[in-house]
Every structure is written in structure tokens, then in C-alpha cells.
Protein backbone atom coordinates (compact mmCIF):
# COMPACT_ATOMS: atom_id res chain seq x y z
CA MET A 1 -0.10 0.13 0.04
CA ARG A 2 1.26 3.41 -0.90
CA ARG A 3 2.12 5.66 2.14
CA THR A 4 -0.12 8.39 1.05
CA THR A 5 -3.07 5.90 0.90
CA ARG A 6 -2.03 4.69 4.23
CA LEU A 7 -2.13 8.30 5.78
CA LYS A 8 -5.52 8.78 4.45
CA GLU A 9 -6.85 5.64 5.88
CA LEU A 10 -5.08 6.67 9.19
CA ILE A 11 -6.49 10.15 9.25
CA LEU A 12 -10.07 8.91 8.39
CA ALA A 13 -9.94 6.29 11.03
CA PRO A 14 -12.08 6.60 14.05
CA GLU A 15 -9.24 6.49 16.35
CA ILE A 16 -7.13 9.86 16.96
CA LEU A 17 -3.64 9.56 14.83
CA ILE A 18 -0.81 10.59 16.92
CA MET A 19 2.33 11.90 14.77
CA PRO A 20 5.25 12.87 16.65
CA GLY A 21 7.60 15.33 15.22
CA ALA A 22 10.90 14.19 13.81
CA HIS A 23 13.78 16.74 13.03
CA ASP A 24 15.76 14.44 11.13
CA ALA A 25 15.86 10.94 9.79
CA LEU A 26 17.22 9.16 12.75
CA VAL A 27 14.57 10.53 15.08
CA ALA A 28 11.99 9.32 12.37
CA LYS A 29 13.43 5.87 12.57
CA ILE A 30 13.04 6.01 16.36
CA ILE A 31 9.55 6.95 16.12
CA GLU A 32 8.79 4.15 13.67
CA GLN A 33 10.42 1.67 15.90
CA VAL A 34 8.65 2.47 18.96
CA GLY A 35 5.32 1.85 17.21
CA PHE A 36 3.81 4.91 15.98
CA GLN A 37 2.15 4.76 12.73
CA ALA A 38 3.07 8.21 11.19
CA VAL A 39 5.57 10.92 11.60
CA THR A 40 5.53 14.63 10.98
CA LEU A 41 8.27 17.10 9.88
CA GLY A 42 7.67 21.19 10.35
CA GLY A 43 9.46 23.93 9.04
CA TYR A 44 11.14 24.98 12.41
CA PRO A 45 12.45 21.50 13.12
CA ALA A 46 13.89 21.33 9.84
CA THR A 47 15.58 24.62 9.95
CA ALA A 48 16.74 24.13 13.33
CA ASN A 49 18.26 20.80 12.47
CA LEU A 50 19.93 21.96 9.17
CA LEU A 51 20.86 25.61 10.10
CA GLY A 52 20.73 25.75 13.80
CA LYS A 53 18.45 28.80 13.42
CA PRO A 54 14.85 29.84 14.11
CA ASP A 55 12.24 29.24 11.06
CA VAL A 56 12.29 32.77 9.69
CA SER A 57 11.83 31.52 6.00
CA ILE A 58 15.36 31.03 5.22
CA LEU A 59 15.44 27.35 4.07
CA THR A 60 15.16 27.04 0.39
CA MET A 61 12.56 24.76 -1.39
CA THR A 62 15.43 22.53 -2.43
CA GLU A 63 16.90 22.39 0.97
CA MET A 64 13.37 21.68 2.68
CA VAL A 65 12.49 18.95 -0.17
CA ASP A 66 16.03 17.05 0.23
CA HIS A 67 15.31 17.00 4.07
CA ALA A 68 11.86 15.68 3.88
CA ARG A 69 13.23 13.13 1.12
CA ARG A 70 15.85 11.68 3.47
CA ILE A 71 13.44 11.20 6.26
CA CYS A 72 10.87 9.71 3.96
CA ASP A 73 13.63 7.31 2.82
CA ALA A 74 14.47 6.32 6.23
CA VAL A 75 11.08 5.05 7.34
CA ASP A 76 8.23 3.03 5.97
CA ILE A 77 5.54 4.84 7.73
CA PRO A 78 3.80 7.90 6.33
CA VAL A 79 5.45 11.26 6.80
CA PHE A 80 3.18 14.37 7.05
CA THR A 81 5.38 17.52 6.05
CA ASP A 82 4.83 20.97 6.55
CA GLY A 83 5.83 22.62 3.00
CA ASP A 84 6.97 25.73 4.93
CA THR A 85 6.19 29.23 3.55
CA GLY A 86 5.62 28.79 -0.06
CA TYR A 87 8.95 30.20 -1.13
CA GLY A 88 7.89 33.58 -2.71
């Protein structure tokens, strides 16, 4: 099953979906290994992890996509990602 299909099923299920946030691929793997069914990535965790700075729209779209891709590649569960600020 595609992860997008799985995420939709989890969101529509009667149970509340708990998605811990991961700032990098290692944390996403830990979240998966302890049994969560999905993980999320936001703009601030990505910016803090990559640059050590606050989320003030300084990541480029390429940087955000690359970071999200590494997290998606590290786990088999769905990853819900904040696309950040829209990049202009």
C-alpha cells in the first residue's frame, strides 16, 4: 500500500492519529521503531536541524525537499510534512 493511501486511512479512522515530530531521519526511525504509525516534519524542526536557526523562512525549497526526502527514505510509515512558507 502506498504511504499516501495509508496516511489517508489513518486520518479517516475513528481513532485519533498521533504523529510525533521528527527533526531528522534518525528521530523518524526511532519514532517508527517504538510503534507510531506516522511521523510529521515541520518547518522549524527542519530549519533548526539544518541551520541551527529559527524558522524565519531562510530554507530554500530544495533544502526543505531534500531534508523531507531523507526522512521519507529512512522510514516505511507515512510522513506528513509542512511545506514551509511557499517560497515566494
